PDB file of N, CA and C in Angstrom:
ATOM      1  N   MET A   1      24.468 -29.056   9.350  1.00  0.00           N
ATOM      2  CA  MET A   1      25.452 -27.783   8.324  1.00  0.00           C
ATOM      3  C   MET A   1      23.036 -28.285   7.526  1.00  0.00           C
ATOM      4  N   PRO A   2      22.981 -27.086   7.077  1.00  0.00           N
ATOM      5  CA  PRO A   2      22.523 -26.766   6.148  1.00  0.00           C
ATOM      6  C   PRO A   2      23.234 -27.051   4.449  1.00  0.00           C
ATOM      7  N   LYS A   3      22.783 -27.994   3.586  1.00  0.00           N
ATOM      8  CA  LYS A   3      22.944 -28.375   2.193  1.00  0.00           C
ATOM      9  C   LYS A   3      23.361 -27.092   1.789  1.00  0.00           C
ATOM     10  N   LYS A   4      24.922 -26.886   0.703  1.00  0.00           N
ATOM     11  CA  LYS A   4      24.893 -25.539   0.167  1.00  0.00           C
ATOM     12  C   LYS A   4      23.856 -26.256  -1.314  1.00  0.00           C
ATOM     13  N   PRO A   5      23.621 -24.605  -1.768  1.00  0.00           N
ATOM     14  CA  PRO A   5      22.767 -24.462  -2.918  1.00  0.00           C
ATOM     15  C   PRO A   5      23.657 -24.642  -4.247  1.00  0.00           C
ATOM     16  N   ARG A   6      23.244 -25.549  -5.324  1.00  0.00           N
ATOM     17  CA  ARG A   6      24.103 -26.873  -5.957  1.00  0.00           C
ATOM     18  C   ARG A   6      23.576 -25.164  -7.445  1.00  0.00           C
ATOM     19  N   GLN A   7      25.162 -25.044  -7.695  1.00  0.00           N
ATOM     20  CA  GLN A   7      25.830 -23.978  -8.814  1.00  0.00           C
ATOM     21  C   GLN A   7      25.167 -24.760  -9.951  1.00  0.00           C
ATOM     22  N   VAL A   8      24.628 -23.736 -11.069  1.00  0.00           N
ATOM     23  CA  VAL A   8      24.142 -24.176 -12.310  1.00  0.00           C
ATOM     24  C   VAL A   8      25.505 -23.057 -12.932  1.00  0.00           C
ATOM     25  N   LYS A   9      25.774 -24.105 -14.168  1.00  0.00           N
ATOM     26  CA  LYS A   9      26.220 -23.375 -14.707  1.00  0.00           C
ATOM     27  C   LYS A   9      25.888 -22.861 -16.432  1.00  0.00           C
ATOM     28  N   ARG A  10      27.117 -21.601 -16.766  1.00  0.00           N
ATOM     29  CA  ARG A  10      26.035 -20.867 -17.132  1.00  0.00           C
ATOM     30  C   ARG A  10      25.599 -21.943 -18.836  1.00  0.00           C
ATOM     31  N   GLY A  11      24.417 -21.524 -19.153  1.00  0.00           N
ATOM     32  CA  GLY A  11      24.392 -22.112 -20.627  1.00  0.00           C
ATOM     33  C   GLY A  11      23.027 -22.971 -19.929  1.00  0.00           C
ATOM     34  N   THR A  12      23.383 -23.458 -18.445  1.00  0.00           N
ATOM     35  CA  THR A  12      22.254 -24.969 -18.757  1.00  0.00           C
ATOM     36  C   THR A  12      20.942 -24.024 -18.450  1.00  0.00           C
ATOM     37  N   LYS A  13      20.377 -25.713 -19.570  1.00  0.00           N
ATOM     38  CA  LYS A  13      18.917 -25.194 -19.437  1.00  0.00           C
ATOM     39  C   LYS A  13      18.175 -25.374 -17.708  1.00  0.00           C
ATOM     40  N   LEU A  14      17.032 -25.165 -17.346  1.00  0.00           N
ATOM     41  CA  LEU A  14      16.416 -25.383 -15.935  1.00  0.00           C
ATOM     42  C   LEU A  14      15.465 -25.926 -16.549  1.00  0.00           C
ATOM     43  N   ALA A  15      14.576 -26.744 -15.648  1.00  0.00           N
ATOM     44  CA  ALA A  15      13.395 -27.490 -15.891  1.00  0.00           C
ATOM     45  C   ALA A  15      12.500 -26.427 -15.390  1.00  0.00           C
ATOM     46  N   SER A  16      11.642 -25.905 -16.473  1.00  0.00           N
ATOM     47  CA  SER A  16      10.669 -25.883 -16.337  1.00  0.00           C
ATOM     48  C   SER A  16       9.437 -26.294 -14.363  1.00  0.00           C
ATOM     49  N   ALA A  17       8.556 -25.025 -14.307  1.00  0.00           N
ATOM     50  CA  ALA A  17       8.559 -25.881 -12.892  1.00  0.00           C
ATOM     51  C   ALA A  17       6.676 -26.360 -13.228  1.00  0.00           C
ATOM     52  N   PRO A  18       6.947 -27.125 -12.350  1.00  0.00           N
ATOM     53  CA  PRO A  18       5.897 -28.653 -13.143  1.00  0.00           C
ATOM     54  C   PRO A  18       4.132 -27.716 -12.707  1.00  0.00           C
ATOM     55  N   VAL A  19       3.201 -28.011 -13.822  1.00  0.00           N
ATOM     56  CA  VAL A  19       1.739 -26.977 -14.858  1.00  0.00           C
ATOM     57  C   VAL A  19       0.950 -27.693 -13.483  1.00  0.00           C
ATOM     58  N   VAL A  20       0.491 -27.897 -12.700  1.00  0.00           N
ATOM     59  CA  VAL A  20      -0.325 -27.527 -11.501  1.00  0.00           C
ATOM     60  C   VAL A  20      -1.836 -27.763 -12.027  1.00  0.00           C
ATOM     61  N   GLU A  21      -2.469 -28.969 -12.542  1.00  0.00           N
ATOM     62  CA  GLU A  21      -3.540 -28.976 -13.173  1.00  0.00           C
ATOM     63  C   GLU A  21      -5.120 -28.519 -11.787  1.00  0.00           C
ATOM     64  N   ILE A  22      -5.733 -27.960 -12.056  1.00  0.00           N
ATOM     65  CA  ILE A  22      -6.684 -27.214 -10.763  1.00  0.00           C
ATOM     66  C   ILE A  22      -7.715 -27.493 -11.671  1.00  0.00           C
ATOM     67  N   GLU A  23      -9.042 -27.776 -10.788  1.00  0.00           N
ATOM     68  CA  GLU A  23     -10.076 -28.876 -10.806  1.00  0.00           C
ATOM     69  C   GLU A  23     -11.000 -27.414 -10.831  1.00  0.00           C
ATOM     70  N   GLU A  24     -11.525 -26.900 -11.984  1.00  0.00           N
ATOM     71  CA  GLU A  24     -12.503 -25.457 -11.252  1.00  0.00           C
ATOM     72  C   GLU A  24     -13.457 -25.693 -10.576  1.00  0.00           C
ATOM     73  N   THR A  25     -13.626 -26.844  -9.149  1.00  0.00           N
ATOM     74  CA  THR A  25     -14.573 -26.255  -7.957  1.00  0.00           C
ATOM     75  C   THR A  25     -13.072 -25.977  -6.893  1.00  0.00           C
ATOM     76  N   GLN A  26     -12.038 -25.701  -6.940  1.00  0.00           N
ATOM     77  CA  GLN A  26     -11.383 -25.370  -6.253  1.00  0.00           C
ATOM     78  C   GLN A  26     -10.422 -23.793  -6.940  1.00  0.00           C
ATOM     79  N   LEU A  27     -10.741 -24.204  -7.969  1.00  0.00           N
ATOM     80  CA  LEU A  27     -11.097 -22.072  -8.114  1.00  0.00           C
ATOM     81  C   LEU A  27     -12.462 -21.496  -7.565  1.00  0.00           C
ATOM     82  N   GLY A  28     -11.453 -19.709  -7.464  1.00  0.00           N
ATOM     83  CA  GLY A  28     -12.772 -18.927  -6.896  1.00  0.00           C
ATOM     84  C   GLY A  28     -13.878 -18.487  -7.611  1.00  0.00           C
ATOM     85  N   PRO A  29     -14.412 -17.183  -7.510  1.00  0.00           N
ATOM     86  CA  PRO A  29     -15.625 -16.592  -8.994  1.00  0.00           C
ATOM     87  C   PRO A  29     -14.317 -15.990  -9.693  1.00  0.00           C
ATOM     88  N   PRO A  30     -14.563 -16.023 -11.500  1.00  0.00           N
ATOM     89  CA  PRO A  30     -13.998 -15.139 -12.223  1.00  0.00           C
ATOM     90  C   PRO A  30     -14.050 -13.582 -11.710  1.00  0.00           C
ATOM     91  N   ILE A  31     -13.179 -13.176 -12.176  1.00  0.00           N
ATOM     92  CA  ILE A  31     -12.503 -11.507 -11.825  1.00  0.00           C
ATOM     93  C   ILE A  31     -12.085 -11.224 -12.834  1.00  0.00           C
ATOM     94  N   GLU A  32     -13.120  -9.748 -13.620  1.00  0.00           N
ATOM     95  CA  GLU A  32     -12.462  -9.598 -14.983  1.00  0.00           C
ATOM     96  C   GLU A  32     -11.961  -7.705 -14.011  1.00  0.00           C
ATOM     97  N   TYR A  33     -10.765  -8.202 -15.672  1.00  0.00           N
ATOM     98  CA  TYR A  33     -10.203  -7.210 -15.411  1.00  0.00           C
ATOM     99  C   TYR A  33      -9.917  -6.571 -16.971  1.00  0.00           C
ATOM    100  N   VAL A  34      -9.246  -4.965 -16.528  1.00  0.00           N
ATOM    101  CA  VAL A  34      -9.408  -4.333 -17.721  1.00  0.00           C
ATOM    102  C   VAL A  34      -8.163  -3.534 -18.395  1.00  0.00           C
ATOM    103  N   VAL A  35      -7.583  -4.187 -19.519  1.00  0.00           N
ATOM    104  CA  VAL A  35      -5.602  -3.396 -20.174  1.00  0.00           C
ATOM    105  C   VAL A  35      -6.288  -1.813 -20.653  1.00  0.00           C
ATOM    106  N   CYS A  36      -4.515  -1.949 -19.734  1.00  0.00           N
ATOM    107  CA  CYS A  36      -5.247  -0.300 -20.200  1.00  0.00           C
ATOM    108  C   CYS A  36      -4.178  -0.302 -22.054  1.00  0.00           C
ATOM    109  N   PRO A  37      -5.218   0.082 -22.916  1.00  0.00           N
ATOM    110  CA  PRO A  37      -4.780  -0.494 -24.175  1.00  0.00           C
ATOM    111  C   PRO A  37      -3.261   0.082 -24.902  1.00  0.00           C
ATOM    112  N   LEU A  38      -3.168   1.331 -23.967  1.00  0.00           N
ATOM    113  CA  LEU A  38      -1.563   1.980 -24.439  1.00  0.00           C
ATOM    114  C   LEU A  38      -0.646   1.319 -23.258  1.00  0.00           C
ATOM    115  N   CYS A  39      -0.459   1.226 -22.017  1.00  0.00           N
ATOM    116  CA  CYS A  39       1.120   0.514 -21.239  1.00  0.00           C
ATOM    117  C   CYS A  39       0.613  -0.918 -22.291  1.00  0.00           C
ATOM    118  N   GLY A  40      -0.758  -1.266 -21.756  1.00  0.00           N
ATOM    119  CA  GLY A  40      -0.809  -2.876 -21.136  1.00  0.00           C
ATOM    120  C   GLY A  40      -0.530  -3.474 -19.548  1.00  0.00           C
ATOM    121  N   ARG A  41      -1.242  -2.501 -18.976  1.00  0.00           N
ATOM    122  CA  ARG A  41      -1.493  -2.703 -17.519  1.00  0.00           C
ATOM    123  C   ARG A  41      -2.867  -2.871 -16.603  1.00  0.00           C
ATOM    124  N   ASN A  42      -3.151  -3.633 -16.115  1.00  0.00           N
ATOM    125  CA  ASN A  42      -4.137  -4.440 -15.939  1.00  0.00           C
ATOM    126  C   ASN A  42      -4.804  -3.948 -14.625  1.00  0.00           C
ATOM    127  N   ARG A  43      -6.128  -3.909 -14.397  1.00  0.00           N
ATOM    128  CA  ARG A  43      -6.493  -3.323 -12.816  1.00  0.00           C
ATOM    129  C   ARG A  43      -8.096  -3.865 -12.849  1.00  0.00           C
ATOM    130  N   VAL A  44      -8.641  -4.470 -12.350  1.00  0.00           N
ATOM    131  CA  VAL A  44      -9.717  -5.358 -11.032  1.00  0.00           C
ATOM    132  C   VAL A  44     -10.574  -5.123 -12.115  1.00  0.00           C
ATOM    133  N   MET A  45     -11.663  -4.435 -12.477  1.00  0.00           N
ATOM    134  CA  MET A  45     -12.438  -3.558 -13.554  1.00  0.00           C
ATOM    135  C   MET A  45     -13.921  -3.736 -11.531  1.00  0.00           C
ATOM    136  N   GLU A  46     -13.921  -4.225 -11.035  1.00  0.00           N
ATOM    137  CA  GLU A  46     -15.323  -4.366  -9.653  1.00  0.00           C
ATOM    138  C   GLU A  46     -14.249  -4.684  -8.770  1.00  0.00           C
ATOM    139  N   LEU A  47     -14.213  -3.527  -7.471  1.00  0.00           N
ATOM    140  CA  LEU A  47     -13.927  -4.708  -6.507  1.00  0.00           C
ATOM    141  C   LEU A  47     -14.245  -5.053  -5.526  1.00  0.00           C
ATOM    142  N   SER A  48     -14.657  -6.081  -5.046  1.00  0.00           N
ATOM    143  CA  SER A  48     -16.407  -6.795  -4.020  1.00  0.00           C
ATOM    144  C   SER A  48     -16.007  -6.734  -2.952  1.00  0.00           C
ATOM    145  N   SER A  49     -14.655  -6.874  -2.109  1.00  0.00           N
ATOM    146  CA  SER A  49     -15.332  -6.894  -0.749  1.00  0.00           C
ATOM    147  C   SER A  49     -15.998  -5.659  -0.879  1.00  0.00           C
ATOM    148  N   GLU A  50     -16.226  -6.754   1.095  1.00  0.00           N
ATOM    149  CA  GLU A  50     -17.658  -5.877   1.470  1.00  0.00           C
ATOM    150  C   GLU A  50     -17.069  -4.174   2.536  1.00  0.00           C
ATOM    151  N   ARG A  51     -15.817  -4.469   2.564  1.00  0.00           N
ATOM    152  CA  ARG A  51     -15.018  -3.209   2.339  1.00  0.00           C
ATOM    153  C   ARG A  51     -15.493  -1.831   1.263  1.00  0.00           C
ATOM    154  N   SER A  52     -14.484  -2.069   0.208  1.00  0.00           N
ATOM    155  CA  SER A  52     -15.098  -1.436  -0.962  1.00  0.00           C
ATOM    156  C   SER A  52     -16.751  -0.945  -1.183  1.00  0.00           C
ATOM    157  N   ALA A  53     -17.040  -2.718  -0.730  1.00  0.00           N
ATOM    158  CA  ALA A  53     -18.852  -1.868  -0.894  1.00  0.00           C
ATOM    159  C   ALA A  53     -19.096  -0.615  -0.710  1.00  0.00           C
ATOM    160  N   ALA A  54     -18.526  -0.682   0.662  1.00  0.00           N
ATOM    161  CA  ALA A  54     -19.313  -0.136   2.014  1.00  0.00           C
ATOM    162  C   ALA A  54     -18.954   1.218   1.771  1.00  0.00           C
ATOM    163  N   LYS A  55     -18.007   0.779   1.011  1.00  0.00           N
ATOM    164  CA  LYS A  55     -17.103   3.169   0.290  1.00  0.00           C
ATOM    165  C   LYS A  55     -18.249   3.153  -0.213  1.00  0.00           C
ATOM    166  N   ASN A  56     -19.029   2.716  -1.484  1.00  0.00           N
ATOM    167  CA  ASN A  56     -18.613   2.469  -2.652  1.00  0.00           C
ATOM    168  C   ASN A  56     -17.698   2.650  -3.845  1.00  0.00           C
ATOM    169  N   LYS A  57     -16.974   1.994  -3.919  1.00  0.00           N
ATOM    170  CA  LYS A  57     -15.794   2.332  -4.614  1.00  0.00           C
ATOM    171  C   LYS A  57     -16.681   0.562  -5.867  1.00  0.00           C
ATOM    172  N   LEU A  58     -16.336   0.908  -7.082  1.00  0.00           N
ATOM    173  CA  LEU A  58     -16.650  -0.001  -7.683  1.00  0.00           C
ATOM    174  C   LEU A  58     -15.669  -1.294  -8.415  1.00  0.00           C
ATOM    175  N   GLY A  59     -14.616  -0.529  -8.520  1.00  0.00           N
ATOM    176  CA  GLY A  59     -13.664  -0.572  -8.776  1.00  0.00           C
ATOM    177  C   GLY A  59     -12.091   0.664  -9.011  1.00  0.00           C
ATOM    178  N   ARG A  60     -10.833  -0.233  -9.388  1.00  0.00           N
ATOM    179  CA  ARG A  60      -9.806   1.239  -9.425  1.00  0.00           C
ATOM    180  C   ARG A  60      -9.422   1.281 -11.097  1.00  0.00           C
ATOM    181  N   ILE A  61     -10.809   1.491 -11.757  1.00  0.00           N
ATOM    182  CA  ILE A  61     -10.507   1.788 -12.946  1.00  0.00           C
ATOM    183  C   ILE A  61     -10.488   3.879 -13.251  1.00  0.00           C
ATOM    184  N   ASP A  62      -9.831   4.715 -13.556  1.00  0.00           N
ATOM    185  CA  ASP A  62      -9.634   5.838 -14.193  1.00  0.00           C
ATOM    186  C   ASP A  62      -9.571   6.073 -15.347  1.00  0.00           C
ATOM    187  N   TRP A  63     -10.049   6.925 -16.028  1.00  0.00           N
ATOM    188  CA  TRP A  63      -9.268   7.728 -17.096  1.00  0.00           C
ATOM    189  C   TRP A  63      -9.219   8.807 -16.731  1.00  0.00           C
ATOM    190  N   ASN A  64      -9.201   9.373 -15.809  1.00  0.00           N
ATOM    191  CA  ASN A  64      -9.504  11.192 -16.199  1.00  0.00           C
ATOM    192  C   ASN A  64      -8.005  11.302 -15.119  1.00  0.00           C
ATOM    193  N   PHE A  65      -7.089  10.543 -14.811  1.00  0.00           N
ATOM    194  CA  PHE A  65      -6.946  11.092 -13.356  1.00  0.00           C
ATOM    195  C   PHE A  65      -5.117  11.936 -14.411  1.00  0.00           C
ATOM    196  N   PHE A  66      -4.683  11.661 -15.820  1.00  0.00           N
ATOM    197  CA  PHE A  66      -3.944  12.455 -16.243  1.00  0.00           C
ATOM    198  C   PHE A  66      -4.195  13.423 -16.723  1.00  0.00           C
ATOM    199  N   ASP A  67      -3.600  14.106 -16.450  1.00  0.00           N
ATOM    200  CA  ASP A  67      -3.819  16.117 -17.493  1.00  0.00           C
ATOM    201  C   ASP A  67      -2.906  16.668 -17.618  1.00  0.00           C
ATOM    202  N   PRO A  68      -2.547  16.141 -19.411  1.00  0.00           N
ATOM    203  CA  PRO A  68      -1.448  16.420 -20.213  1.00  0.00           C
ATOM    204  C   PRO A  68      -0.150  17.787 -20.000  1.00  0.00           C
ATOM    205  N   GLU A  69      -1.259  18.770 -20.032  1.00  0.00           N
ATOM    206  CA  GLU A  69      -0.707  19.744 -19.642  1.00  0.00           C
ATOM    207  C   GLU A  69       0.197  20.423 -18.150  1.00  0.00           C
ATOM    208  N   THR A  70      -0.125  19.162 -16.963  1.00  0.00           N
ATOM    209  CA  THR A  70      -0.034  19.824 -15.658  1.00  0.00           C
ATOM    210  C   THR A  70       0.349  18.014 -15.245  1.00  0.00           C
ATOM    211  N   SER A  71       0.373  17.184 -15.009  1.00  0.00           N
ATOM    212  CA  SER A  71       0.526  15.660 -14.470  1.00  0.00           C
ATOM    213  C   SER A  71       2.064  15.232 -15.556  1.00  0.00           C
ATOM    214  N   ALA A  72       2.989  14.927 -14.799  1.00  0.00           N
ATOM    215  CA  ALA A  72       4.224  13.972 -14.670  1.00  0.00           C
ATOM    216  C   ALA A  72       4.631  12.283 -15.811  1.00  0.00           C
ATOM    217  N   PHE A  73       4.755  13.706 -16.905  1.00  0.00           N
ATOM    218  CA  PHE A  73       4.795  12.604 -17.683  1.00  0.00           C
ATOM    219  C   PHE A  73       5.979  11.268 -17.752  1.00  0.00           C
ATOM    220  N   ILE A  74       7.286  11.893 -17.344  1.00  0.00           N
ATOM    221  CA  ILE A  74       8.795  11.491 -17.308  1.00  0.00           C
ATOM    222  C   ILE A  74       9.069  11.646 -16.251  1.00  0.00           C
ATOM    223  N   GLN A  75       9.606  10.690 -15.569  1.00  0.00           N
ATOM    224  CA  GLN A  75      10.306  10.606 -13.132  1.00  0.00           C
ATOM    225  C   GLN A  75      10.932  10.469 -13.701  1.00  0.00           C
ATOM    226  N   ILE A  76      12.354  11.180 -12.744  1.00  0.00           N
ATOM    227  CA  ILE A  76      14.239  10.597 -13.642  1.00  0.00           C
ATOM    228  C   ILE A  76      13.472   9.998 -11.567  1.00  0.00           C
ATOM    229  N   ARG A  77      14.672   9.690 -12.237  1.00  0.00           N
ATOM    230  CA  ARG A  77      14.379   8.531 -10.341  1.00  0.00           C
ATOM    231  C   ARG A  77      15.996   7.667 -10.096  1.00  0.00           C
ATOM    232  N   ALA A  78      16.086   8.493  -8.794  1.00  0.00           N
ATOM    233  CA  ALA A  78      17.788   7.423  -9.070  1.00  0.00           C
ATOM    234  C   ALA A  78      17.496   6.485  -7.028  1.00  0.00           C
ATOM    235  N   GLY A  79      18.017   5.638  -7.460  1.00  0.00           N
ATOM    236  CA  GLY A  79      17.859   4.217  -6.740  1.00  0.00           C
ATOM    237  C   GLY A  79      18.680   5.103  -4.876  1.00  0.00           C
ATOM    238  N   GLY A  80      18.159   4.591  -3.395  1.00  0.00           N
ATOM    239  CA  GLY A  80      18.811   5.399  -2.625  1.00  0.00           C
ATOM    240  C   GLY A  80      19.593   4.172  -2.584  1.00  0.00           C
ATOM    241  N   GLY A  81      19.285   3.104  -2.494  1.00  0.00           N
ATOM    242  CA  GLY A  81      20.294   2.132  -1.866  1.00  0.00           C
ATOM    243  C   GLY A  81      19.687   1.230  -1.018  1.00  0.00           C
ATOM    244  N   ARG A  82      20.333  -0.280  -0.733  1.00  0.00           N
ATOM    245  CA  ARG A  82      19.315  -1.415  -0.503  1.00  0.00           C
ATOM    246  C   ARG A  82      17.991  -0.729   0.661  1.00  0.00           C
ATOM    247  N   GLY A  83      16.925  -0.877  -0.064  1.00  0.00           N
ATOM    248  CA  GLY A  83      15.335  -0.709   1.142  1.00  0.00           C
ATOM    249  C   GLY A  83      15.408   0.631   0.958  1.00  0.00           C
ATOM    250  N   SER A  84      15.909   1.359   0.396  1.00  0.00           N
ATOM    251  CA  SER A  84      15.232   2.649   0.544  1.00  0.00           C
ATOM    252  C   SER A  84      14.369   3.415  -0.618  1.00  0.00           C
ATOM    253  N   GLY A  85      14.396   2.127  -1.732  1.00  0.00           N
ATOM    254  CA  GLY A  85      13.635   2.477  -2.065  1.00  0.00           C
ATOM    255  C   GLY A  85      13.584   4.283  -4.116  1.00  0.00           C
ATOM    256  N   PHE A  86      13.494   4.285  -4.810  1.00  0.00           N
ATOM    257  CA  PHE A  86      14.030   5.591  -5.150  1.00  0.00           C
ATOM    258  C   PHE A  86      12.992   5.931  -5.720  1.00  0.00           C
ATOM    259  N   HIS A  87      14.169   7.564  -5.002  1.00  0.00           N
ATOM    260  CA  HIS A  87      13.531   8.611  -4.904  1.00  0.00           C
ATOM    261  C   HIS A  87      13.526   9.365  -6.120  1.00  0.00           C
ATOM    262  N   LEU A  88      12.352  10.700  -6.595  1.00  0.00           N
ATOM    263  CA  LEU A  88      12.294  11.407  -7.731  1.00  0.00           C
ATOM    264  C   LEU A  88      13.225  12.123  -7.031  1.00  0.00           C
ATOM    265  N   ILE A  89      13.794  13.119  -8.618  1.00  0.00           N
ATOM    266  CA  ILE A  89      14.473  14.013  -9.246  1.00  0.00           C
ATOM    267  C   ILE A  89      13.864  14.932  -9.134  1.00  0.00           C
ATOM    268  N   GLU A  90      13.756  14.327 -10.647  1.00  0.00           N
ATOM    269  CA  GLU A  90      13.014  15.839 -11.144  1.00  0.00           C
ATOM    270  C   GLU A  90      11.726  14.378 -12.250  1.00  0.00           C
ATOM    271  N   SER A  91      10.628  16.145 -12.266  1.00  0.00           N
ATOM    272  CA  SER A  91       9.151  15.028 -13.094  1.00  0.00           C
ATOM    273  C   SER A  91       8.710  16.177 -14.523  1.00  0.00           C
ATOM    274  N   LEU A  92       9.038  16.124 -15.658  1.00  0.00           N
ATOM    275  CA  LEU A  92       8.476  16.635 -16.787  1.00  0.00           C
ATOM    276  C   LEU A  92       6.995  16.358 -17.413  1.00  0.00           C
ATOM    277  N   THR A  93       6.546  17.410 -17.726  1.00  0.00           N
ATOM    278  CA  THR A  93       4.638  17.381 -17.955  1.00  0.00           C
ATOM    279  C   THR A  93       5.518  16.982 -19.337  1.00  0.00           C
ATOM    280  N   TRP A  94       4.326  16.486 -20.422  1.00  0.00           N
ATOM    281  CA  TRP A  94       4.118  15.733 -21.449  1.00  0.00           C
ATOM    282  C   TRP A  94       5.006  17.344 -22.489  1.00  0.00           C
ATOM    283  N   PRO A  95       3.866  18.529 -22.166  1.00  0.00           N
ATOM    284  CA  PRO A  95       4.407  19.573 -23.404  1.00  0.00           C
ATOM    285  C   PRO A  95       6.571  19.979 -22.357  1.00  0.00           C
ATOM    286  N   GLN A  96       7.057  19.789 -21.987  1.00  0.00           N
ATOM    287  CA  GLN A  96       8.279  19.990 -21.531  1.00  0.00           C
ATOM    288  C   GLN A  96       9.083  18.662 -22.002  1.00  0.00           C
ATOM    289  N   ALA A  97       8.692  17.837 -21.566  1.00  0.00           N
ATOM    290  CA  ALA A  97       9.289  16.254 -22.374  1.00  0.00           C
ATOM    291  C   ALA A  97       9.264  16.312 -23.964  1.00  0.00           C
ATOM    292  N   SER A  98       8.172  16.622 -24.457  1.00  0.00           N
ATOM    293  CA  SER A  98       7.722  17.203 -26.090  1.00  0.00           C
ATOM    294  C   SER A  98       8.638  17.912 -26.518  1.00  0.00           C
ATOM    295  N   GLY A  99       9.975  19.066 -25.599  1.00  0.00           N
ATOM    296  CA  GLY A  99      10.558  20.020 -26.018  1.00  0.00           C
ATOM    297  C   GLY A  99      12.405  18.985 -26.197  1.00  0.00           C
ATOM    298  N   GLN A 100      11.824  17.491 -25.812  1.00  0.00           N
ATOM    299  CA  GLN A 100      13.496  16.898 -25.808  1.00  0.00           C
ATOM    300  C   GLN A 100      13.506  15.929 -26.305  1.00  0.00           C
ATOM    301  N   LEU A 101      14.576  16.254 -27.453  1.00  0.00           N
ATOM    302  CA  LEU A 101      14.873  15.082 -28.507  1.00  0.00           C
ATOM    303  C   LEU A 101      14.676  14.257 -28.210  1.00  0.00           C
ATOM    304  N   LYS A 102      15.313  13.317 -27.407  1.00  0.00           N
ATOM    305  CA  LYS A 102      15.369  11.566 -27.201  1.00  0.00           C
ATOM    306  C   LYS A 102      14.216  11.556 -26.446  1.00  0.00           C
ATOM    307  N   TYR A 103      13.473  12.003 -26.502  1.00  0.00           N
ATOM    308  CA  TYR A 103      12.115  11.738 -25.678  1.00  0.00           C
ATOM    309  C   TYR A 103      10.581  12.048 -26.896  1.00  0.00           C
ATOM    310  N   ALA A 104      11.149  11.868 -28.225  1.00  0.00           N
ATOM    311  CA  ALA A 104      10.784  12.249 -29.442  1.00  0.00           C
ATOM    312  C   ALA A 104       9.855  10.948 -29.831  1.00  0.00           C
ATOM    313  N   ALA A 105       9.736   9.966 -29.753  1.00  0.00           N
ATOM    314  CA  ALA A 105      10.290   8.596 -30.579  1.00  0.00           C
ATOM    315  C   ALA A 105       9.417   7.881 -30.026  1.00  0.00           C
ATOM    316  N   LEU A 106      10.031   8.294 -28.214  1.00  0.00           N
ATOM    317  CA  LEU A 106       8.005   8.144 -27.514  1.00  0.00           C
ATOM    318  C   LEU A 106       6.546   8.709 -26.734  1.00  0.00           C
ATOM    319  N   ILE A 107       6.954  10.069 -27.742  1.00  0.00           N
ATOM    320  CA  ILE A 107       6.264  10.706 -27.266  1.00  0.00           C
ATOM    321  C   ILE A 107       5.413  10.523 -28.654  1.00  0.00           C
ATOM    322  N   GLU A 108       5.950  10.007 -30.049  1.00  0.00           N
ATOM    323  CA  GLU A 108       5.653  10.305 -31.491  1.00  0.00           C
ATOM    324  C   GLU A 108       4.917   8.056 -31.806  1.00  0.00           C
ATOM    325  N   ASP A 109       5.334   7.564 -30.379  1.00  0.00           N
ATOM    326  CA  ASP A 109       4.591   6.340 -30.372  1.00  0.00           C
ATOM    327  C   ASP A 109       3.142   6.233 -29.634  1.00  0.00           C
ATOM    328  N   ILE A 110       3.229   6.821 -28.878  1.00  0.00           N
ATOM    329  CA  ILE A 110       1.998   7.516 -27.881  1.00  0.00           C
ATOM    330  C   ILE A 110       0.881   7.852 -28.566  1.00  0.00           C
ATOM    331  N   LYS A 111       1.156   8.804 -29.177  1.00  0.00           N
ATOM    332  CA  LYS A 111       0.398   9.587 -30.612  1.00  0.00           C
ATOM    333  C   LYS A 111      -0.322   8.384 -31.614  1.00  0.00           C
ATOM    334  N   ALA A 112       0.839   7.935 -32.612  1.00  0.00           N
ATOM    335  CA  ALA A 112       0.133   7.228 -33.118  1.00  0.00           C
ATOM    336  C   ALA A 112      -0.934   6.071 -32.483  1.00  0.00           C
ATOM    337  N   GLN A 113      -0.340   5.254 -31.160  1.00  0.00           N
ATOM    338  CA  GLN A 113      -1.482   3.917 -30.391  1.00  0.00           C
ATOM    339  C   GLN A 113      -2.501   4.561 -30.327  1.00  0.00           C
ATOM    340  N   ILE A 114      -3.019   6.126 -30.031  1.00  0.00           N
ATOM    341  CA  ILE A 114      -4.117   6.864 -29.669  1.00  0.00           C
ATOM    342  C   ILE A 114      -4.678   7.419 -31.041  1.00  0.00           C
ATOM    343  N   LYS A 115      -4.151   7.409 -32.209  1.00  0.00           N
ATOM    344  CA  LYS A 115      -4.887   7.884 -32.937  1.00  0.00           C
ATOM    345  C   LYS A 115      -5.517   5.857 -34.023  1.00  0.00           C
ATOM    346  N   VAL A 116      -4.524   4.968 -33.466  1.00  0.00           N
ATOM    347  CA  VAL A 116      -5.214   3.768 -33.158  1.00  0.00           C
ATOM    348  C   VAL A 116      -6.666   2.826 -32.530  1.00  0.00           C
ATOM    349  N   ILE A 117      -6.660   3.478 -31.015  1.00  0.00           N
ATOM    350  CA  ILE A 117      -7.528   3.543 -30.383  1.00  0.00           C
ATOM    351  C   ILE A 117      -8.222   4.274 -30.611  1.00  0.00           C
ATOM    352  N   SER A 118      -8.603   5.390 -31.100  1.00  0.00           N
ATOM    353  CA  SER A 118      -9.576   6.674 -31.961  1.00  0.00           C
ATOM    354  C   SER A 118     -10.227   6.164 -33.200  1.00  0.00           C
ATOM    355  N   LYS A 119      -9.954   4.855 -33.966  1.00  0.00           N
ATOM    356  CA  LYS A 119     -10.806   4.426 -35.161  1.00  0.00           C
ATOM    357  C   LYS A 119     -11.414   2.886 -34.663  1.00  0.00           C
ATOM    358  N   LEU A 120     -11.344   2.179 -33.096  1.00  0.00           N
ATOM    359  CA  LEU A 120     -11.715   1.807 -32.999  1.00  0.00           C
ATOM    360  C   LEU A 120     -13.131   2.569 -32.132  1.00  0.00           C
ATOM    361  N   ARG A 121     -14.190   1.257 -32.832  1.00  0.00           N
ATOM    362  CA  ARG A 121     -15.772   1.271 -32.872  1.00  0.00           C
ATOM    363  C   ARG A 121     -15.926   0.551 -31.912  1.00  0.00           C
TER     364      ARG A 121
END
């Protein structure tokens, strides 16, 4: 009979996972990532696989994918249940969202961050 999982009382501090020391000889080659200054997500700067090289695909970075006039800026989704994922209910473009008070603070935060970024050299 399998062991029953140990119950942990609420508020009990769990031991953190042990830190594993890795020797430099065990590491693969370094990989460079770029972090989006707006959202903090990161992407590999260059793909080094043979398949990517054969397709002349150098990386996953594309800064021109979002057209503020036509691209979805806000997406409203609903969960479809276990294993079904989230289903898109509605999308709003930047102009549509900017006309709604509940998105005003978000839009102002993004504009402020863009101003900070544009001042960088």
